[in-house]
Amino acid sequence: IIETYFADVPQEAYKTLTSLNAVS
């Protein structure tokens, strides 16, 4: 699991994060 918090995740960071293969 990768957690972010305290604010919005910008669109490019969201795309990069949710495309990670190792993360479920």
mmCIF file of all heavy atoms, coordinates in Angstrom:
data_MODEL
# 
_entry.id   MODEL 
# 
loop_
_atom_site.group_PDB 
_atom_site.id 
_atom_site.type_symbol 
_atom_site.label_atom_id 
_atom_site.label_alt_id 
_atom_site.label_comp_id 
_atom_site.label_asym_id 
_atom_site.label_entity_id 
_atom_site.label_seq_id 
_atom_site.pdbx_PDB_ins_code 
_atom_site.Cartn_x 
_atom_site.Cartn_y 
_atom_site.Cartn_z 
_atom_site.occupancy 
_atom_site.B_iso_or_equiv 
_atom_site.pdbx_formal_charge 
_atom_site.auth_seq_id 
_atom_site.auth_comp_id 
_atom_site.auth_asym_id 
_atom_site.auth_atom_id 
_atom_site.pdbx_PDB_model_num 
ATOM 1   N N   . ILE A 1 1  ? 0.859  -1.189 0.000   1.00 0.00 ? 1  ILE A N   1 
ATOM 2   C CA  . ILE A 1 1  ? 0.000  0.000  0.000   1.00 0.00 ? 1  ILE A CA  1 
ATOM 3   C C   . ILE A 1 1  ? 0.892  1.234  0.000   1.00 0.00 ? 1  ILE A C   1 
ATOM 4   O O   . ILE A 1 1  ? 1.883  1.285  0.727   1.00 0.00 ? 1  ILE A O   1 
ATOM 5   C CB  . ILE A 1 1  ? -0.888 0.034  1.265   1.00 0.00 ? 1  ILE A CB  1 
ATOM 6   C CG1 . ILE A 1 1  ? -1.656 -1.281 1.435   1.00 0.00 ? 1  ILE A CG1 1 
ATOM 7   C CG2 . ILE A 1 1  ? -1.847 1.233  1.238   1.00 0.00 ? 1  ILE A CG2 1 
ATOM 8   C CD1 . ILE A 1 1  ? -2.026 -1.583 2.876   1.00 0.00 ? 1  ILE A CD1 1 
ATOM 9   N N   . ILE A 1 2  ? 0.551  2.217  -0.810  1.00 0.00 ? 2  ILE A N   1 
ATOM 10  C CA  . ILE A 1 2  ? 1.206  3.524  -0.724  1.00 0.00 ? 2  ILE A CA  1 
ATOM 11  C C   . ILE A 1 2  ? 0.152  4.545  -0.337  1.00 0.00 ? 2  ILE A C   1 
ATOM 12  O O   . ILE A 1 2  ? -0.889 4.663  -0.985  1.00 0.00 ? 2  ILE A O   1 
ATOM 13  C CB  . ILE A 1 2  ? 1.891  3.929  -2.046  1.00 0.00 ? 2  ILE A CB  1 
ATOM 14  C CG1 . ILE A 1 2  ? 3.085  3.016  -2.318  1.00 0.00 ? 2  ILE A CG1 1 
ATOM 15  C CG2 . ILE A 1 2  ? 2.358  5.393  -1.975  1.00 0.00 ? 2  ILE A CG2 1 
ATOM 16  C CD1 . ILE A 1 2  ? 3.901  3.406  -3.538  1.00 0.00 ? 2  ILE A CD1 1 
ATOM 17  N N   . GLU A 1 3  ? 0.433  5.260  0.752   1.00 0.00 ? 3  GLU A N   1 
ATOM 18  C CA  . GLU A 1 3  ? -0.501 6.258  1.284   1.00 0.00 ? 3  GLU A CA  1 
ATOM 19  C C   . GLU A 1 3  ? 0.000  7.676  1.011   1.00 0.00 ? 3  GLU A C   1 
ATOM 20  O O   . GLU A 1 3  ? 1.188  7.964  1.139   1.00 0.00 ? 3  GLU A O   1 
ATOM 21  C CB  . GLU A 1 3  ? -0.654 6.084  2.809   1.00 0.00 ? 3  GLU A CB  1 
ATOM 22  C CG  . GLU A 1 3  ? -1.536 4.931  3.224   1.00 0.00 ? 3  GLU A CG  1 
ATOM 23  C CD  . GLU A 1 3  ? -3.020 5.247  3.158   1.00 0.00 ? 3  GLU A CD  1 
ATOM 24  O OE1 . GLU A 1 3  ? -3.383 6.413  2.910   1.00 0.00 ? 3  GLU A OE1 1 
ATOM 25  O OE2 . GLU A 1 3  ? -3.808 4.309  3.364   1.00 0.00 ? 3  GLU A OE2 1 
ATOM 26  N N   . THR A 1 4  ? -0.922 8.549  0.643   1.00 0.00 ? 4  THR A N   1 
ATOM 27  C CA  . THR A 1 4  ? -0.645 9.985  0.581   1.00 0.00 ? 4  THR A CA  1 
ATOM 28  C C   . THR A 1 4  ? -1.675 10.666 1.486   1.00 0.00 ? 4  THR A C   1 
ATOM 29  O O   . THR A 1 4  ? -2.708 10.085 1.806   1.00 0.00 ? 4  THR A O   1 
ATOM 30  C CB  . THR A 1 4  ? -0.792 10.535 -0.851  1.00 0.00 ? 4  THR A CB  1 
ATOM 31  O OG1 . THR A 1 4  ? -2.166 10.446 -1.250  1.00 0.00 ? 4  THR A OG1 1 
ATOM 32  C CG2 . THR A 1 4  ? 0.061  9.742  -1.828  1.00 0.00 ? 4  THR A CG2 1 
ATOM 33  N N   . TYR A 1 5  ? -1.367 11.890 1.890   1.00 0.00 ? 5  TYR A N   1 
ATOM 34  C CA  . TYR A 1 5  ? -2.328 12.580 2.774   1.00 0.00 ? 5  TYR A CA  1 
ATOM 35  C C   . TYR A 1 5  ? -2.019 14.059 2.877   1.00 0.00 ? 5  TYR A C   1 
ATOM 36  O O   . TYR A 1 5  ? -1.002 14.528 2.384   1.00 0.00 ? 5  TYR A O   1 
ATOM 37  C CB  . TYR A 1 5  ? -2.356 11.945 4.173   1.00 0.00 ? 5  TYR A CB  1 
ATOM 38  C CG  . TYR A 1 5  ? -1.041 11.441 4.715   1.00 0.00 ? 5  TYR A CG  1 
ATOM 39  C CD1 . TYR A 1 5  ? -0.067 12.322 5.187   1.00 0.00 ? 5  TYR A CD1 1 
ATOM 40  C CD2 . TYR A 1 5  ? -0.764 10.078 4.766   1.00 0.00 ? 5  TYR A CD2 1 
ATOM 41  C CE1 . TYR A 1 5  ? 1.135  11.859 5.703   1.00 0.00 ? 5  TYR A CE1 1 
ATOM 42  C CE2 . TYR A 1 5  ? 0.446  9.603  5.275   1.00 0.00 ? 5  TYR A CE2 1 
ATOM 43  C CZ  . TYR A 1 5  ? 1.386  10.502 5.743   1.00 0.00 ? 5  TYR A CZ  1 
ATOM 44  O OH  . TYR A 1 5  ? 2.574  10.041 6.248   1.00 0.00 ? 5  TYR A OH  1 
ATOM 45  N N   . PHE A 1 6  ? -2.945 14.781 3.492   1.00 0.00 ? 6  PHE A N   1 
ATOM 46  C CA  . PHE A 1 6  ? -2.869 16.217 3.803   1.00 0.00 ? 6  PHE A CA  1 
ATOM 47  C C   . PHE A 1 6  ? -3.261 17.145 2.655   1.00 0.00 ? 6  PHE A C   1 
ATOM 48  O O   . PHE A 1 6  ? -3.357 18.354 2.842   1.00 0.00 ? 6  PHE A O   1 
ATOM 49  C CB  . PHE A 1 6  ? -1.485 16.643 4.314   1.00 0.00 ? 6  PHE A CB  1 
ATOM 50  C CG  . PHE A 1 6  ? -1.060 15.945 5.569   1.00 0.00 ? 6  PHE A CG  1 
ATOM 51  C CD1 . PHE A 1 6  ? 0.253  15.572 5.768   1.00 0.00 ? 6  PHE A CD1 1 
ATOM 52  C CD2 . PHE A 1 6  ? -1.977 15.657 6.567   1.00 0.00 ? 6  PHE A CD2 1 
ATOM 53  C CE1 . PHE A 1 6  ? 0.659  14.935 6.928   1.00 0.00 ? 6  PHE A CE1 1 
ATOM 54  C CE2 . PHE A 1 6  ? -1.589 15.018 7.735   1.00 0.00 ? 6  PHE A CE2 1 
ATOM 55  C CZ  . PHE A 1 6  ? -0.272 14.660 7.913   1.00 0.00 ? 6  PHE A CZ  1 
ATOM 56  N N   . ALA A 1 7  ? -3.459 16.621 1.459   1.00 0.00 ? 7  ALA A N   1 
ATOM 57  C CA  . ALA A 1 7  ? -3.811 17.511 0.341   1.00 0.00 ? 7  ALA A CA  1 
ATOM 58  C C   . ALA A 1 7  ? -4.188 16.664 -0.875  1.00 0.00 ? 7  ALA A C   1 
ATOM 59  O O   . ALA A 1 7  ? -4.110 15.435 -0.854  1.00 0.00 ? 7  ALA A O   1 
ATOM 60  C CB  . ALA A 1 7  ? -2.647 18.440 0.007   1.00 0.00 ? 7  ALA A CB  1 
ATOM 61  N N   . ASP A 1 8  ? -4.574 17.368 -1.936  1.00 0.00 ? 8  ASP A N   1 
ATOM 62  C CA  . ASP A 1 8  ? -4.837 16.704 -3.213  1.00 0.00 ? 8  ASP A CA  1 
ATOM 63  C C   . ASP A 1 8  ? -3.553 16.178 -3.823  1.00 0.00 ? 8  ASP A C   1 
ATOM 64  O O   . ASP A 1 8  ? -2.480 16.765 -3.650  1.00 0.00 ? 8  ASP A O   1 
ATOM 65  C CB  . ASP A 1 8  ? -5.467 17.701 -4.201  1.00 0.00 ? 8  ASP A CB  1 
ATOM 66  C CG  . ASP A 1 8  ? -6.952 17.892 -3.958  1.00 0.00 ? 8  ASP A CG  1 
ATOM 67  O OD1 . ASP A 1 8  ? -7.692 16.889 -4.006  1.00 0.00 ? 8  ASP A OD1 1 
ATOM 68  O OD2 . ASP A 1 8  ? -7.375 19.035 -3.719  1.00 0.00 ? 8  ASP A OD2 1 
ATOM 69  N N   . VAL A 1 9  ? -3.661 15.086 -4.557  1.00 0.00 ? 9  VAL A N   1 
ATOM 70  C CA  . VAL A 1 9  ? -2.547 14.577 -5.352  1.00 0.00 ? 9  VAL A CA  1 
ATOM 71  C C   . VAL A 1 9  ? -2.695 15.146 -6.758  1.00 0.00 ? 9  VAL A C   1 
ATOM 72  O O   . VAL A 1 9  ? -3.724 14.943 -7.398  1.00 0.00 ? 9  VAL A O   1 
ATOM 73  C CB  . VAL A 1 9  ? -2.560 13.034 -5.392  1.00 0.00 ? 9  VAL A CB  1 
ATOM 74  C CG1 . VAL A 1 9  ? -1.455 12.508 -6.302  1.00 0.00 ? 9  VAL A CG1 1 
ATOM 75  C CG2 . VAL A 1 9  ? -2.410 12.466 -3.991  1.00 0.00 ? 9  VAL A CG2 1 
ATOM 76  N N   . PRO A 1 10 ? -1.703 15.881 -7.261  1.00 0.00 ? 10 PRO A N   1 
ATOM 77  C CA  . PRO A 1 10 ? -1.787 16.418 -8.618  1.00 0.00 ? 10 PRO A CA  1 
ATOM 78  C C   . PRO A 1 10 ? -1.960 15.304 -9.656  1.00 0.00 ? 10 PRO A C   1 
ATOM 79  O O   . PRO A 1 10 ? -1.570 14.153 -9.418  1.00 0.00 ? 10 PRO A O   1 
ATOM 80  C CB  . PRO A 1 10 ? -0.449 17.143 -8.808  1.00 0.00 ? 10 PRO A CB  1 
ATOM 81  C CG  . PRO A 1 10 ? -0.001 17.466 -7.418  1.00 0.00 ? 10 PRO A CG  1 
ATOM 82  C CD  . PRO A 1 10 ? -0.471 16.317 -6.578  1.00 0.00 ? 10 PRO A CD  1 
ATOM 83  N N   . GLN A 1 11 ? -2.522 15.653 -10.782 1.00 0.00 ? 11 GLN A N   1 
ATOM 84  C CA  . GLN A 1 11 ? -2.880 14.654 -11.791 1.00 0.00 ? 11 GLN A CA  1 
ATOM 85  C C   . GLN A 1 11 ? -1.701 13.797 -12.254 1.00 0.00 ? 11 GLN A C   1 
ATOM 86  O O   . GLN A 1 11 ? -1.814 12.577 -12.357 1.00 0.00 ? 11 GLN A O   1 
ATOM 87  C CB  . GLN A 1 11 ? -3.518 15.344 -13.004 1.00 0.00 ? 11 GLN A CB  1 
ATOM 88  C CG  . GLN A 1 11 ? -4.062 14.367 -14.036 1.00 0.00 ? 11 GLN A CG  1 
ATOM 89  C CD  . GLN A 1 11 ? -4.866 15.057 -15.119 1.00 0.00 ? 11 GLN A CD  1 
ATOM 90  O OE1 . GLN A 1 11 ? -4.825 16.271 -15.257 1.00 0.00 ? 11 GLN A OE1 1 
ATOM 91  N NE2 . GLN A 1 11 ? -5.609 14.282 -15.881 1.00 0.00 ? 11 GLN A NE2 1 
ATOM 92  N N   . GLU A 1 12 ? -0.551 14.431 -12.532 1.00 0.00 ? 12 GLU A N   1 
ATOM 93  C CA  . GLU A 1 12 ? 0.595  13.663 -13.022 1.00 0.00 ? 12 GLU A CA  1 
ATOM 94  C C   . GLU A 1 12 ? 1.116  12.706 -11.959 1.00 0.00 ? 12 GLU A C   1 
ATOM 95  O O   . GLU A 1 12 ? 1.515  11.573 -12.264 1.00 0.00 ? 12 GLU A O   1 
ATOM 96  C CB  . GLU A 1 12 ? 1.708  14.608 -13.500 1.00 0.00 ? 12 GLU A CB  1 
ATOM 97  C CG  . GLU A 1 12 ? 1.426  15.260 -14.836 1.00 0.00 ? 12 GLU A CG  1 
ATOM 98  C CD  . GLU A 1 12 ? 1.083  14.261 -15.928 1.00 0.00 ? 12 GLU A CD  1 
ATOM 99  O OE1 . GLU A 1 12 ? 1.859  13.292 -16.123 1.00 0.00 ? 12 GLU A OE1 1 
ATOM 100 O OE2 . GLU A 1 12 ? 0.030  14.417 -16.584 1.00 0.00 ? 12 GLU A OE2 1 
ATOM 101 N N   . ALA A 1 13 ? 1.125  13.161 -10.691 1.00 0.00 ? 13 ALA A N   1 
ATOM 102 C CA  . ALA A 1 13 ? 1.561  12.286 -9.604  1.00 0.00 ? 13 ALA A CA  1 
ATOM 103 C C   . ALA A 1 13 ? 0.578  11.128 -9.430  1.00 0.00 ? 13 ALA A C   1 
ATOM 104 O O   . ALA A 1 13 ? 0.993  9.984  -9.169  1.00 0.00 ? 13 ALA A O   1 
ATOM 105 C CB  . ALA A 1 13 ? 1.683  13.076 -8.308  1.00 0.00 ? 13 ALA A CB  1 
ATOM 106 N N   . TYR A 1 14 ? -0.710 11.404 -9.590  1.00 0.00 ? 14 TYR A N   1 
ATOM 107 C CA  . TYR A 1 14 ? -1.740 10.361 -9.497  1.00 0.00 ? 14 TYR A CA  1 
ATOM 108 C C   . TYR A 1 14 ? -1.505 9.294  -10.563 1.00 0.00 ? 14 TYR A C   1 
ATOM 109 O O   . TYR A 1 14 ? -1.557 8.096  -10.290 1.00 0.00 ? 14 TYR A O   1 
ATOM 110 C CB  . TYR A 1 14 ? -3.125 10.986 -9.643  1.00 0.00 ? 14 TYR A CB  1 
ATOM 111 C CG  . TYR A 1 14 ? -4.265 9.989  -9.618  1.00 0.00 ? 14 TYR A CG  1 
ATOM 112 C CD1 . TYR A 1 14 ? -4.774 9.511  -8.416  1.00 0.00 ? 14 TYR A CD1 1 
ATOM 113 C CD2 . TYR A 1 14 ? -4.827 9.520  -10.804 1.00 0.00 ? 14 TYR A CD2 1 
ATOM 114 C CE1 . TYR A 1 14 ? -5.807 8.587  -8.393  1.00 0.00 ? 14 TYR A CE1 1 
ATOM 115 C CE2 . TYR A 1 14 ? -5.867 8.604  -10.795 1.00 0.00 ? 14 TYR A CE2 1 
ATOM 116 C CZ  . TYR A 1 14 ? -6.356 8.137  -9.587  1.00 0.00 ? 14 TYR A CZ  1 
ATOM 117 O OH  . TYR A 1 14 ? -7.378 7.218  -9.579  1.00 0.00 ? 14 TYR A OH  1 
ATOM 118 N N   . LYS A 1 15 ? -1.238 9.740  -11.780 1.00 0.00 ? 15 LYS A N   1 
ATOM 119 C CA  . LYS A 1 15 ? -0.987 8.798  -12.884 1.00 0.00 ? 15 LYS A CA  1 
ATOM 120 C C   . LYS A 1 15 ? 0.240  7.947  -12.609 1.00 0.00 ? 15 LYS A C   1 
ATOM 121 O O   . LYS A 1 15 ? 0.229  6.730  -12.813 1.00 0.00 ? 15 LYS A O   1 
ATOM 122 C CB  . LYS A 1 15 ? -0.785 9.574  -14.197 1.00 0.00 ? 15 LYS A CB  1 
ATOM 123 C CG  . LYS A 1 15 ? -2.044 10.158 -14.799 1.00 0.00 ? 15 LYS A CG  1 
ATOM 124 C CD  . LYS A 1 15 ? -1.686 10.872 -16.101 1.00 0.00 ? 15 LYS A CD  1 
ATOM 125 C CE  . LYS A 1 15 ? -2.891 11.546 -16.724 1.00 0.00 ? 15 LYS A CE  1 
ATOM 126 N NZ  . LYS A 1 15 ? -2.519 12.294 -17.949 1.00 0.00 ? 15 LYS A NZ  1 
ATOM 127 N N   . THR A 1 16 ? 1.304  8.606  -12.151 1.00 0.00 ? 16 THR A N   1 
ATOM 128 C CA  . THR A 1 16 ? 2.545  7.880  -11.860 1.00 0.00 ? 16 THR A CA  1 
ATOM 129 C C   . THR A 1 16 ? 2.338  6.870  -10.746 1.00 0.00 ? 16 THR A C   1 
ATOM 130 O O   . THR A 1 16 ? 2.755  5.706  -10.847 1.00 0.00 ? 16 THR A O   1 
ATOM 131 C CB  . THR A 1 16 ? 3.661  8.871  -11.465 1.00 0.00 ? 16 THR A CB  1 
ATOM 132 O OG1 . THR A 1 16 ? 3.849  9.821  -12.517 1.00 0.00 ? 16 THR A OG1 1 
ATOM 133 C CG2 . THR A 1 16 ? 4.963  8.144  -11.202 1.00 0.00 ? 16 THR A CG2 1 
ATOM 134 N N   . LEU A 1 17 ? 1.674  7.290  -9.684  1.00 0.00 ? 17 LEU A N   1 
ATOM 135 C CA  . LEU A 1 17 ? 1.439  6.420  -8.532  1.00 0.00 ? 17 LEU A CA  1 
ATOM 136 C C   . LEU A 1 17 ? 0.594  5.213  -8.903  1.00 0.00 ? 17 LEU A C   1 
ATOM 137 O O   . LEU A 1 17 ? 0.952  4.071  -8.599  1.00 0.00 ? 17 LEU A O   1 
ATOM 138 C CB  . LEU A 1 17 ? 0.764  7.218  -7.411  1.00 0.00 ? 17 LEU A CB  1 
ATOM 139 C CG  . LEU A 1 17 ? 0.286  6.450  -6.183  1.00 0.00 ? 17 LEU A CG  1 
ATOM 140 C CD1 . LEU A 1 17 ? 1.439  5.715  -5.522  1.00 0.00 ? 17 LEU A CD1 1 
ATOM 141 C CD2 . LEU A 1 17 ? -0.392 7.400  -5.196  1.00 0.00 ? 17 LEU A CD2 1 
ATOM 142 N N   . THR A 1 18 ? -0.527 5.449  -9.543  1.00 0.00 ? 18 THR A N   1 
ATOM 143 C CA  . THR A 1 18 ? -1.471 4.354  -9.807  1.00 0.00 ? 18 THR A CA  1 
ATOM 144 C C   . THR A 1 18 ? -1.017 3.430  -10.935 1.00 0.00 ? 18 THR A C   1 
ATOM 145 O O   . THR A 1 18 ? -1.670 2.422  -11.206 1.00 0.00 ? 18 THR A O   1 
ATOM 146 C CB  . THR A 1 18 ? -2.876 4.907  -10.121 1.00 0.00 ? 18 THR A CB  1 
ATOM 147 O OG1 . THR A 1 18 ? -2.793 5.861  -11.188 1.00 0.00 ? 18 THR A OG1 1 
ATOM 148 C CG2 . THR A 1 18 ? -3.487 5.562  -8.891  1.00 0.00 ? 18 THR A CG2 1 
ATOM 149 N N   . SER A 1 19 ? 0.108  3.753  -11.565 1.00 0.00 ? 19 SER A N   1 
ATOM 150 C CA  . SER A 1 19 ? 0.622  2.875  -12.622 1.00 0.00 ? 19 SER A CA  1 
ATOM 151 C C   . SER A 1 19 ? 1.706  1.926  -12.112 1.00 0.00 ? 19 SER A C   1 
ATOM 152 O O   . SER A 1 19 ? 2.232  1.120  -12.881 1.00 0.00 ? 19 SER A O   1 
ATOM 153 C CB  . SER A 1 19 ? 1.180  3.714  -13.781 1.00 0.00 ? 19 SER A CB  1 
ATOM 154 O OG  . SER A 1 19 ? 2.322  4.444  -13.358 1.00 0.00 ? 19 SER A OG  1 
ATOM 155 N N   . LEU A 1 20 ? 2.033  1.999  -10.807 1.00 0.00 ? 20 LEU A N   1 
ATOM 156 C CA  . LEU A 1 20 ? 3.097  1.151  -10.257 1.00 0.00 ? 20 LEU A CA  1 
ATOM 157 C C   . LEU A 1 20 ? 2.655  -0.312 -10.192 1.00 0.00 ? 20 LEU A C   1 
ATOM 158 O O   . LEU A 1 20 ? 1.617  -0.638 -9.623  1.00 0.00 ? 20 LEU A O   1 
ATOM 159 C CB  . LEU A 1 20 ? 3.484  1.631  -8.851  1.00 0.00 ? 20 LEU A CB  1 
ATOM 160 C CG  . LEU A 1 20 ? 4.097  3.029  -8.738  1.00 0.00 ? 20 LEU A CG  1 
ATOM 161 C CD1 . LEU A 1 20 ? 4.364  3.362  -7.272  1.00 0.00 ? 20 LEU A CD1 1 
ATOM 162 C CD2 . LEU A 1 20 ? 5.381  3.136  -9.551  1.00 0.00 ? 20 LEU A CD2 1 
ATOM 163 N N   . ASN A 1 21 ? 3.471  -1.187 -10.744 1.00 0.00 ? 21 ASN A N   1 
ATOM 164 C CA  . ASN A 1 21 ? 3.133  -2.615 -10.785 1.00 0.00 ? 21 ASN A CA  1 
ATOM 165 C C   . ASN A 1 21 ? 3.227  -3.278 -9.420  1.00 0.00 ? 21 ASN A C   1 
ATOM 166 O O   . ASN A 1 21 ? 2.439  -4.172 -9.103  1.00 0.00 ? 21 ASN A O   1 
ATOM 167 C CB  . ASN A 1 21 ? 4.069  -3.344 -11.761 1.00 0.00 ? 21 ASN A CB  1 
ATOM 168 C CG  . ASN A 1 21 ? 3.829  -2.946 -13.193 1.00 0.00 ? 21 ASN A CG  1 
ATOM 169 O OD1 . ASN A 1 21 ? 2.706  -2.663 -13.578 1.00 0.00 ? 21 ASN A OD1 1 
ATOM 170 N ND2 . ASN A 1 21 ? 4.891  -2.915 -13.990 1.00 0.00 ? 21 ASN A ND2 1 
ATOM 171 N N   . ALA A 1 22 ? 4.194  -2.855 -8.610  1.00 0.00 ? 22 ALA A N   1 
ATOM 172 C CA  . ALA A 1 22 ? 4.453  -3.550 -7.345  1.00 0.00 ? 22 ALA A CA  1 
ATOM 173 C C   . ALA A 1 22 ? 3.433  -3.226 -6.266  1.00 0.00 ? 22 ALA A C   1 
ATOM 174 O O   . ALA A 1 22 ? 3.416  -3.852 -5.211  1.00 0.00 ? 22 ALA A O   1 
ATOM 175 C CB  . ALA A 1 22 ? 5.853  -3.193 -6.843  1.00 0.00 ? 22 ALA A CB  1 
ATOM 176 N N   . VAL A 1 23 ? 2.576  -2.227 -6.525  1.00 0.00 ? 23 VAL A N   1 
ATOM 177 C CA  . VAL A 1 23 ? 1.659  -1.721 -5.496  1.00 0.00 ? 23 VAL A CA  1 
ATOM 178 C C   . VAL A 1 23 ? 0.247  -2.237 -5.761  1.00 0.00 ? 23 VAL A C   1 
ATOM 179 O O   . VAL A 1 23 ? -0.249 -2.163 -6.887  1.00 0.00 ? 23 VAL A O   1 
ATOM 180 C CB  . VAL A 1 23 ? 1.675  -0.179 -5.463  1.00 0.00 ? 23 VAL A CB  1 
ATOM 181 C CG1 . VAL A 1 23 ? 0.758  0.344  -4.372  1.00 0.00 ? 23 VAL A CG1 1 
ATOM 182 C CG2 . VAL A 1 23 ? 3.098  0.323  -5.257  1.00 0.00 ? 23 VAL A CG2 1 
ATOM 183 N N   . SER A 1 24 ? -0.391 -2.749 -4.706  1.00 0.00 ? 24 SER A N   1 
ATOM 184 C CA  . SER A 1 24 ? -1.737 -3.301 -4.879  1.00 0.00 ? 24 SER A CA  1 
ATOM 185 C C   . SER A 1 24 ? -2.824 -2.433 -4.277  1.00 0.00 ? 24 SER A C   1 
ATOM 186 O O   . SER A 1 24 ? -4.008 -2.678 -4.485  1.00 0.00 ? 24 SER A O   1 
ATOM 187 C CB  . SER A 1 24 ? -1.804 -4.706 -4.269  1.00 0.00 ? 24 SER A CB  1 
ATOM 188 O OG  . SER A 1 24 ? -1.166 -4.750 -3.015  1.00 0.00 ? 24 SER A OG  1 
# 
